[in-house]
N, C-alpha and C. Protein backbone atom coordinates (compact mmCIF):
# COMPACT_ATOMS: atom_id res chain seq x y z
N MET A 1 83.70 90.18 21.98
CA MET A 1 82.58 89.86 21.14
C MET A 1 83.06 89.94 19.69
N ARG A 2 82.72 88.94 18.92
CA ARG A 2 83.09 88.93 17.51
C ARG A 2 82.12 88.07 16.74
N ILE A 3 82.04 88.38 15.44
CA ILE A 3 81.18 87.60 14.55
C ILE A 3 81.78 87.66 13.15
N GLY A 4 81.62 86.59 12.41
CA GLY A 4 82.15 86.53 11.05
C GLY A 4 81.06 86.25 10.04
N HIS A 5 81.28 86.72 8.82
CA HIS A 5 80.32 86.52 7.73
C HIS A 5 81.07 86.24 6.44
N ALA A 6 80.59 85.30 5.68
CA ALA A 6 81.08 85.07 4.32
C ALA A 6 80.12 85.81 3.40
N LEU A 7 80.67 86.68 2.56
CA LEU A 7 79.85 87.47 1.64
C LEU A 7 80.08 86.97 0.23
N ARG A 8 79.03 86.77 -0.49
CA ARG A 8 79.14 86.32 -1.88
C ARG A 8 79.42 87.53 -2.76
N ASP A 9 80.14 87.28 -3.83
CA ASP A 9 80.45 88.33 -4.80
C ASP A 9 79.24 88.52 -5.71
N GLU A 10 78.24 89.23 -5.20
CA GLU A 10 77.02 89.45 -5.96
C GLU A 10 76.43 90.79 -5.58
N ASN A 11 75.49 91.26 -6.39
CA ASN A 11 74.79 92.50 -6.06
C ASN A 11 74.12 92.33 -4.72
N GLY A 12 74.20 93.34 -3.90
CA GLY A 12 73.56 93.28 -2.60
C GLY A 12 74.49 92.90 -1.48
N CYS A 13 75.70 92.41 -1.78
CA CYS A 13 76.57 91.97 -0.67
C CYS A 13 77.07 93.16 0.15
N ILE A 14 77.18 94.33 -0.46
CA ILE A 14 77.65 95.51 0.27
C ILE A 14 76.57 95.94 1.27
N ALA A 15 75.33 95.98 0.83
CA ALA A 15 74.22 96.31 1.73
C ALA A 15 74.10 95.25 2.82
N GLN A 16 74.28 93.99 2.44
CA GLN A 16 74.22 92.90 3.41
C GLN A 16 75.32 93.08 4.47
N ALA A 17 76.51 93.46 4.06
CA ALA A 17 77.61 93.68 5.00
C ALA A 17 77.28 94.83 5.96
N ARG A 18 76.72 95.91 5.45
CA ARG A 18 76.33 97.03 6.32
C ARG A 18 75.25 96.59 7.31
N ASP A 19 74.30 95.79 6.85
CA ASP A 19 73.25 95.27 7.74
C ASP A 19 73.85 94.41 8.85
N HIS A 20 74.82 93.57 8.50
CA HIS A 20 75.49 92.74 9.51
C HIS A 20 76.18 93.63 10.55
N ALA A 21 76.82 94.70 10.10
CA ALA A 21 77.51 95.61 11.02
C ALA A 21 76.51 96.29 11.95
N ALA A 22 75.39 96.74 11.42
CA ALA A 22 74.37 97.39 12.25
C ALA A 22 73.81 96.43 13.28
N ALA A 23 73.53 95.19 12.87
CA ALA A 23 73.00 94.19 13.80
C ALA A 23 74.02 93.86 14.89
N PHE A 24 75.29 93.78 14.53
CA PHE A 24 76.35 93.50 15.49
C PHE A 24 76.42 94.60 16.54
N LEU A 25 76.37 95.85 16.10
CA LEU A 25 76.44 96.97 17.04
C LEU A 25 75.17 97.07 17.87
N ASP A 26 74.01 96.76 17.29
CA ASP A 26 72.77 96.71 18.06
C ASP A 26 72.87 95.68 19.18
N SER A 27 73.43 94.52 18.86
CA SER A 27 73.60 93.46 19.85
C SER A 27 74.57 93.88 20.95
N ALA A 28 75.62 94.58 20.58
CA ALA A 28 76.59 95.05 21.58
C ALA A 28 75.90 95.95 22.59
N GLY A 29 75.03 96.83 22.10
CA GLY A 29 74.33 97.73 23.00
C GLY A 29 73.23 97.06 23.79
N ALA A 30 72.37 96.33 23.10
CA ALA A 30 71.20 95.74 23.75
C ALA A 30 71.53 94.54 24.63
N ASP A 31 72.37 93.64 24.13
CA ASP A 31 72.64 92.39 24.84
C ASP A 31 73.80 92.48 25.82
N HIS A 32 74.73 93.40 25.57
CA HIS A 32 75.94 93.44 26.39
C HIS A 32 76.19 94.80 27.03
N GLN A 33 75.26 95.73 26.88
CA GLN A 33 75.33 97.05 27.48
C GLN A 33 76.63 97.81 27.15
N VAL A 34 77.14 97.60 25.95
CA VAL A 34 78.31 98.34 25.48
C VAL A 34 77.78 99.57 24.77
N PRO A 35 78.14 100.77 25.25
CA PRO A 35 77.63 101.98 24.61
C PRO A 35 78.27 102.19 23.23
N VAL A 36 77.44 102.32 22.21
CA VAL A 36 77.91 102.56 20.85
C VAL A 36 77.22 103.84 20.38
N SER A 37 78.02 104.86 20.11
CA SER A 37 77.45 106.14 19.68
C SER A 37 76.90 106.04 18.26
N ASP A 38 76.01 106.96 17.92
CA ASP A 38 75.49 107.03 16.56
C ASP A 38 76.62 107.28 15.57
N ARG A 39 77.56 108.10 15.97
CA ARG A 39 78.71 108.40 15.11
C ARG A 39 79.51 107.13 14.82
N THR A 40 79.76 106.34 15.85
CA THR A 40 80.49 105.08 15.67
C THR A 40 79.72 104.14 14.76
N ARG A 41 78.42 104.07 14.95
CA ARG A 41 77.57 103.22 14.10
C ARG A 41 77.68 103.65 12.64
N ASP A 42 77.57 104.95 12.39
CA ASP A 42 77.65 105.47 11.02
C ASP A 42 79.03 105.24 10.41
N LEU A 43 80.09 105.51 11.18
CA LEU A 43 81.45 105.32 10.66
C LEU A 43 81.75 103.85 10.39
N THR A 44 81.26 102.98 11.26
CA THR A 44 81.48 101.54 11.06
C THR A 44 80.81 101.08 9.77
N GLN A 45 79.59 101.51 9.54
CA GLN A 45 78.90 101.12 8.32
C GLN A 45 79.59 101.70 7.08
N LEU A 46 80.13 102.91 7.19
CA LEU A 46 80.86 103.50 6.08
C LEU A 46 82.13 102.70 5.78
N VAL A 47 82.88 102.35 6.81
CA VAL A 47 84.11 101.57 6.63
C VAL A 47 83.79 100.21 6.03
N VAL A 48 82.77 99.55 6.55
CA VAL A 48 82.35 98.26 6.00
C VAL A 48 82.04 98.42 4.52
N SER A 49 81.27 99.42 4.18
CA SER A 49 80.87 99.64 2.80
C SER A 49 82.08 99.86 1.90
N GLU A 50 83.01 100.68 2.32
CA GLU A 50 84.18 100.99 1.49
C GLU A 50 85.10 99.77 1.34
N LEU A 51 85.36 99.05 2.43
CA LEU A 51 86.26 97.90 2.34
C LEU A 51 85.65 96.76 1.52
N VAL A 52 84.37 96.49 1.72
CA VAL A 52 83.72 95.43 0.96
C VAL A 52 83.60 95.82 -0.51
N THR A 53 83.32 97.08 -0.77
CA THR A 53 83.27 97.55 -2.16
C THR A 53 84.60 97.33 -2.86
N ASN A 54 85.70 97.69 -2.19
CA ASN A 54 87.02 97.49 -2.79
C ASN A 54 87.32 96.02 -3.02
N SER A 55 86.97 95.18 -2.07
CA SER A 55 87.20 93.75 -2.24
C SER A 55 86.39 93.21 -3.41
N ARG A 56 85.15 93.62 -3.47
CA ARG A 56 84.29 93.15 -4.56
C ARG A 56 84.80 93.62 -5.92
N LYS A 57 85.33 94.82 -5.95
CA LYS A 57 85.79 95.41 -7.21
C LYS A 57 87.11 94.80 -7.69
N TYR A 58 88.03 94.51 -6.76
CA TYR A 58 89.39 94.14 -7.16
C TYR A 58 89.77 92.68 -6.94
N ALA A 59 88.98 91.93 -6.19
CA ALA A 59 89.38 90.55 -5.87
C ALA A 59 88.32 89.56 -6.33
N PRO A 60 88.73 88.52 -7.04
CA PRO A 60 87.75 87.50 -7.42
C PRO A 60 87.41 86.62 -6.22
N GLY A 61 86.23 86.08 -6.24
CA GLY A 61 85.88 85.09 -5.22
C GLY A 61 85.22 85.67 -4.00
N PRO A 62 85.17 84.86 -2.94
CA PRO A 62 84.44 85.24 -1.75
C PRO A 62 85.15 86.34 -0.97
N ILE A 63 84.37 86.97 -0.11
CA ILE A 63 84.87 88.00 0.81
C ILE A 63 84.46 87.56 2.20
N LEU A 64 85.39 87.59 3.12
CA LEU A 64 85.08 87.27 4.51
C LEU A 64 85.17 88.55 5.33
N MET A 65 84.18 88.77 6.18
CA MET A 65 84.16 89.94 7.04
C MET A 65 84.01 89.49 8.48
N GLU A 66 84.85 90.03 9.33
CA GLU A 66 84.74 89.76 10.76
C GLU A 66 84.58 91.10 11.46
N LEU A 67 83.69 91.14 12.43
CA LEU A 67 83.49 92.32 13.26
C LEU A 67 83.88 91.94 14.68
N ARG A 68 84.70 92.79 15.29
CA ARG A 68 85.18 92.53 16.65
C ARG A 68 84.90 93.76 17.51
N LEU A 69 84.60 93.51 18.75
CA LEU A 69 84.38 94.59 19.70
C LEU A 69 85.37 94.46 20.83
N THR A 70 86.12 95.53 21.07
CA THR A 70 87.01 95.58 22.22
C THR A 70 86.43 96.61 23.19
N THR A 71 87.11 96.87 24.27
CA THR A 71 86.60 97.82 25.25
C THR A 71 86.59 99.25 24.72
N ARG A 72 87.37 99.52 23.69
CA ARG A 72 87.46 100.90 23.18
C ARG A 72 87.11 101.07 21.71
N ALA A 73 86.96 99.98 20.98
CA ALA A 73 86.79 100.13 19.54
C ALA A 73 86.03 98.97 18.93
N VAL A 74 85.52 99.21 17.74
CA VAL A 74 84.99 98.15 16.90
C VAL A 74 86.00 97.99 15.76
N GLU A 75 86.32 96.74 15.46
CA GLU A 75 87.25 96.45 14.38
C GLU A 75 86.50 95.78 13.24
N VAL A 76 86.75 96.29 12.06
CA VAL A 76 86.18 95.72 10.83
C VAL A 76 87.34 95.04 10.12
N VAL A 77 87.21 93.74 9.92
CA VAL A 77 88.26 92.96 9.26
C VAL A 77 87.66 92.37 7.99
N VAL A 78 88.31 92.64 6.86
CA VAL A 78 87.84 92.12 5.58
C VAL A 78 88.97 91.36 4.92
N TRP A 79 88.69 90.11 4.54
CA TRP A 79 89.65 89.28 3.81
C TRP A 79 89.15 89.10 2.40
N ASP A 80 90.08 89.16 1.44
CA ASP A 80 89.76 88.80 0.07
C ASP A 80 90.94 88.06 -0.54
N SER A 81 90.76 87.55 -1.75
CA SER A 81 91.75 86.67 -2.37
C SER A 81 92.87 87.39 -3.12
N ASP A 82 92.80 88.70 -3.26
CA ASP A 82 93.84 89.45 -3.97
C ASP A 82 94.95 89.82 -3.01
N PRO A 83 96.20 89.38 -3.24
CA PRO A 83 97.28 89.68 -2.31
C PRO A 83 97.82 91.11 -2.42
N THR A 84 97.37 91.87 -3.42
CA THR A 84 97.88 93.22 -3.62
C THR A 84 97.49 94.12 -2.45
N VAL A 85 98.48 94.78 -1.86
CA VAL A 85 98.22 95.71 -0.76
C VAL A 85 97.68 97.01 -1.35
N PRO A 86 96.49 97.43 -0.92
CA PRO A 86 95.92 98.66 -1.48
C PRO A 86 96.65 99.89 -0.97
N GLU A 87 96.69 100.90 -1.81
CA GLU A 87 97.31 102.16 -1.42
C GLU A 87 96.34 103.29 -1.73
N ALA A 88 96.23 104.22 -0.80
CA ALA A 88 95.40 105.40 -1.04
C ALA A 88 96.11 106.26 -2.08
N ARG A 89 95.33 106.80 -2.97
CA ARG A 89 95.90 107.68 -3.99
C ARG A 89 96.21 109.04 -3.38
N THR A 90 97.07 109.78 -4.05
CA THR A 90 97.35 111.13 -3.58
C THR A 90 96.10 111.98 -3.77
N ALA A 91 95.97 112.98 -2.94
CA ALA A 91 94.79 113.84 -3.00
C ALA A 91 94.67 114.50 -4.37
N ASP A 92 93.49 114.47 -4.91
CA ASP A 92 93.21 115.10 -6.19
C ASP A 92 91.74 115.50 -6.20
N PRO A 93 91.44 116.77 -5.90
CA PRO A 93 90.04 117.19 -5.83
C PRO A 93 89.29 117.05 -7.14
N ALA A 94 90.01 116.95 -8.25
CA ALA A 94 89.36 116.81 -9.55
C ALA A 94 88.98 115.36 -9.85
N ARG A 95 89.55 114.41 -9.10
CA ARG A 95 89.28 112.99 -9.35
C ARG A 95 87.86 112.66 -8.88
N ILE A 96 87.14 111.97 -9.71
CA ILE A 96 85.80 111.52 -9.36
C ILE A 96 85.90 110.06 -8.94
N GLY A 97 85.49 109.78 -7.72
CA GLY A 97 85.54 108.41 -7.21
C GLY A 97 86.93 108.00 -6.77
N GLN A 98 87.03 106.77 -6.35
CA GLN A 98 88.27 106.15 -5.88
C GLN A 98 88.89 106.87 -4.68
N HIS A 99 88.02 107.32 -3.77
CA HIS A 99 88.47 107.97 -2.54
C HIS A 99 88.22 107.09 -1.32
N GLY A 100 87.72 105.86 -1.52
CA GLY A 100 87.31 105.01 -0.41
C GLY A 100 88.40 104.74 0.61
N LEU A 101 89.59 104.38 0.15
CA LEU A 101 90.67 104.07 1.08
C LEU A 101 91.13 105.33 1.81
N GLU A 102 91.13 106.46 1.12
CA GLU A 102 91.46 107.74 1.77
C GLU A 102 90.48 108.01 2.91
N ILE A 103 89.20 107.77 2.65
CA ILE A 103 88.16 108.00 3.66
C ILE A 103 88.37 107.07 4.85
N VAL A 104 88.59 105.79 4.57
CA VAL A 104 88.77 104.82 5.66
C VAL A 104 89.97 105.20 6.52
N LYS A 105 91.07 105.54 5.89
CA LYS A 105 92.27 105.91 6.66
C LYS A 105 92.06 107.18 7.46
N ALA A 106 91.25 108.10 6.95
CA ALA A 106 91.00 109.36 7.65
C ALA A 106 90.12 109.17 8.88
N ILE A 107 89.18 108.25 8.84
CA ILE A 107 88.25 108.12 9.96
C ILE A 107 88.61 106.99 10.92
N ALA A 108 89.47 106.09 10.51
CA ALA A 108 89.84 104.97 11.38
C ALA A 108 90.95 105.38 12.33
N GLU A 109 90.86 104.87 13.54
CA GLU A 109 91.90 105.14 14.52
C GLU A 109 93.10 104.22 14.28
N GLY A 110 92.87 103.15 13.55
CA GLY A 110 93.95 102.23 13.17
C GLY A 110 93.59 101.57 11.85
N PHE A 111 94.61 101.33 11.03
CA PHE A 111 94.40 100.70 9.72
C PHE A 111 95.59 99.79 9.46
N PHE A 112 95.33 98.50 9.21
CA PHE A 112 96.40 97.52 9.04
C PHE A 112 96.08 96.61 7.86
N VAL A 113 97.11 96.26 7.11
CA VAL A 113 96.95 95.30 6.02
C VAL A 113 97.94 94.17 6.27
N GLU A 114 97.44 92.94 6.24
CA GLU A 114 98.29 91.76 6.42
C GLU A 114 98.15 90.89 5.19
N GLN A 115 99.27 90.59 4.55
CA GLN A 115 99.23 89.65 3.45
C GLN A 115 99.16 88.25 4.02
N GLU A 116 98.32 87.42 3.42
CA GLU A 116 98.10 86.05 3.87
C GLU A 116 98.69 85.11 2.82
N PRO A 117 98.81 83.82 3.12
CA PRO A 117 99.26 82.88 2.09
C PRO A 117 98.39 82.94 0.84
N VAL A 118 97.11 83.23 1.05
CA VAL A 118 96.20 83.49 -0.07
C VAL A 118 95.48 84.79 0.27
N GLY A 119 95.71 85.81 -0.51
CA GLY A 119 94.99 87.07 -0.34
C GLY A 119 95.57 87.98 0.72
N LYS A 120 94.69 88.81 1.27
CA LYS A 120 95.09 89.78 2.29
C LYS A 120 93.95 89.99 3.27
N ARG A 121 94.30 90.51 4.43
CA ARG A 121 93.35 90.82 5.48
C ARG A 121 93.55 92.30 5.84
N ILE A 122 92.46 93.08 5.75
CA ILE A 122 92.51 94.50 6.10
C ILE A 122 91.70 94.71 7.35
N THR A 123 92.28 95.41 8.31
CA THR A 123 91.61 95.72 9.57
C THR A 123 91.56 97.23 9.75
N ALA A 124 90.37 97.74 10.03
CA ALA A 124 90.20 99.15 10.38
C ALA A 124 89.55 99.20 11.75
N ARG A 125 90.08 100.05 12.62
CA ARG A 125 89.58 100.18 13.98
C ARG A 125 88.89 101.53 14.14
N ILE A 126 87.65 101.52 14.64
CA ILE A 126 86.88 102.73 14.85
C ILE A 126 86.60 102.85 16.34
N ALA A 127 86.91 104.00 16.91
CA ALA A 127 86.72 104.23 18.34
C ALA A 127 85.24 104.17 18.71
N LEU A 128 84.95 103.61 19.88
CA LEU A 128 83.57 103.55 20.37
C LEU A 128 83.10 104.91 20.88
N THR A 129 84.01 105.69 21.43
CA THR A 129 83.64 107.00 21.94
C THR A 129 83.75 108.03 20.82
N ASP A 130 82.98 109.08 20.95
CA ASP A 130 82.99 110.11 19.92
C ASP A 130 84.29 110.91 19.89
N LEU A 131 84.81 111.22 21.04
CA LEU A 131 86.05 112.00 21.11
C LEU A 131 86.98 111.38 22.14
N PRO A 132 88.24 111.10 21.77
CA PRO A 132 89.17 110.58 22.77
C PRO A 132 89.49 111.66 23.81
N THR A 133 89.74 111.22 25.02
CA THR A 133 90.11 112.18 26.07
C THR A 133 91.61 112.36 26.09
N ASP A 134 92.07 113.42 26.78
CA ASP A 134 93.50 113.67 26.88
C ASP A 134 94.21 112.56 27.64
N THR A 135 93.49 111.87 28.51
CA THR A 135 94.11 110.81 29.29
C THR A 135 94.07 109.46 28.60
N ASP A 136 93.44 109.40 27.47
CA ASP A 136 93.34 108.14 26.72
C ASP A 136 94.70 107.80 26.15
N ASP A 137 95.30 106.70 26.62
CA ASP A 137 96.64 106.34 26.16
C ASP A 137 96.61 105.51 24.89
N ARG A 138 95.40 105.26 24.36
CA ARG A 138 95.18 104.58 23.08
C ARG A 138 95.61 103.12 23.08
N ARG A 139 96.01 102.58 24.22
CA ARG A 139 96.29 101.15 24.27
C ARG A 139 94.99 100.41 24.38
N ASP A 140 94.84 99.40 23.60
CA ASP A 140 93.62 98.61 23.60
C ASP A 140 93.86 97.36 24.43
N PRO A 141 93.15 97.21 25.56
CA PRO A 141 93.39 96.06 26.42
C PRO A 141 92.85 94.74 25.88
N GLY A 142 92.19 94.76 24.73
CA GLY A 142 91.74 93.52 24.13
C GLY A 142 90.24 93.38 24.10
N PRO A 143 89.78 92.17 23.78
CA PRO A 143 88.34 91.93 23.62
C PRO A 143 87.57 92.17 24.91
N VAL A 144 86.33 92.57 24.77
CA VAL A 144 85.44 92.72 25.91
C VAL A 144 85.15 91.33 26.46
N ARG A 145 85.24 91.19 27.74
CA ARG A 145 84.92 89.92 28.40
C ARG A 145 83.44 89.93 28.75
N LEU A 146 82.71 89.02 28.17
CA LEU A 146 81.27 88.95 28.39
C LEU A 146 80.91 87.70 29.17
N PRO A 147 79.83 87.80 29.97
CA PRO A 147 79.44 86.61 30.74
C PRO A 147 78.95 85.50 29.85
């Protein structure tokens, strides 16, 4: 299951992106019986908010967001036109703000940046289950197959 959205660089696009994520996860649960925990829902919306905020702040032009559901995770993919690979800053408790990438990396089970011919694509993977089990080998078998 996957869905894509083009977000305009305007006030409200961050809230709009969070709303798209919530609707996507609602659909996964209601229409496809994929269990999505409240924690996963909250973390997904936080990741969406942080990634879209960074794109809006640092990249001119449109932002593309894709949400994907696999058997074990939800993936948030954000593309923007700035080719610069973002880096989390070193920890500094006195710093006010600019902790978004640190937060995303801390809560995501996977974080990837791909430079594109134009811009970059950032993917963050959030586990569907609240706690991984000891037998979870963390291999993702791919997209959920839906009827």
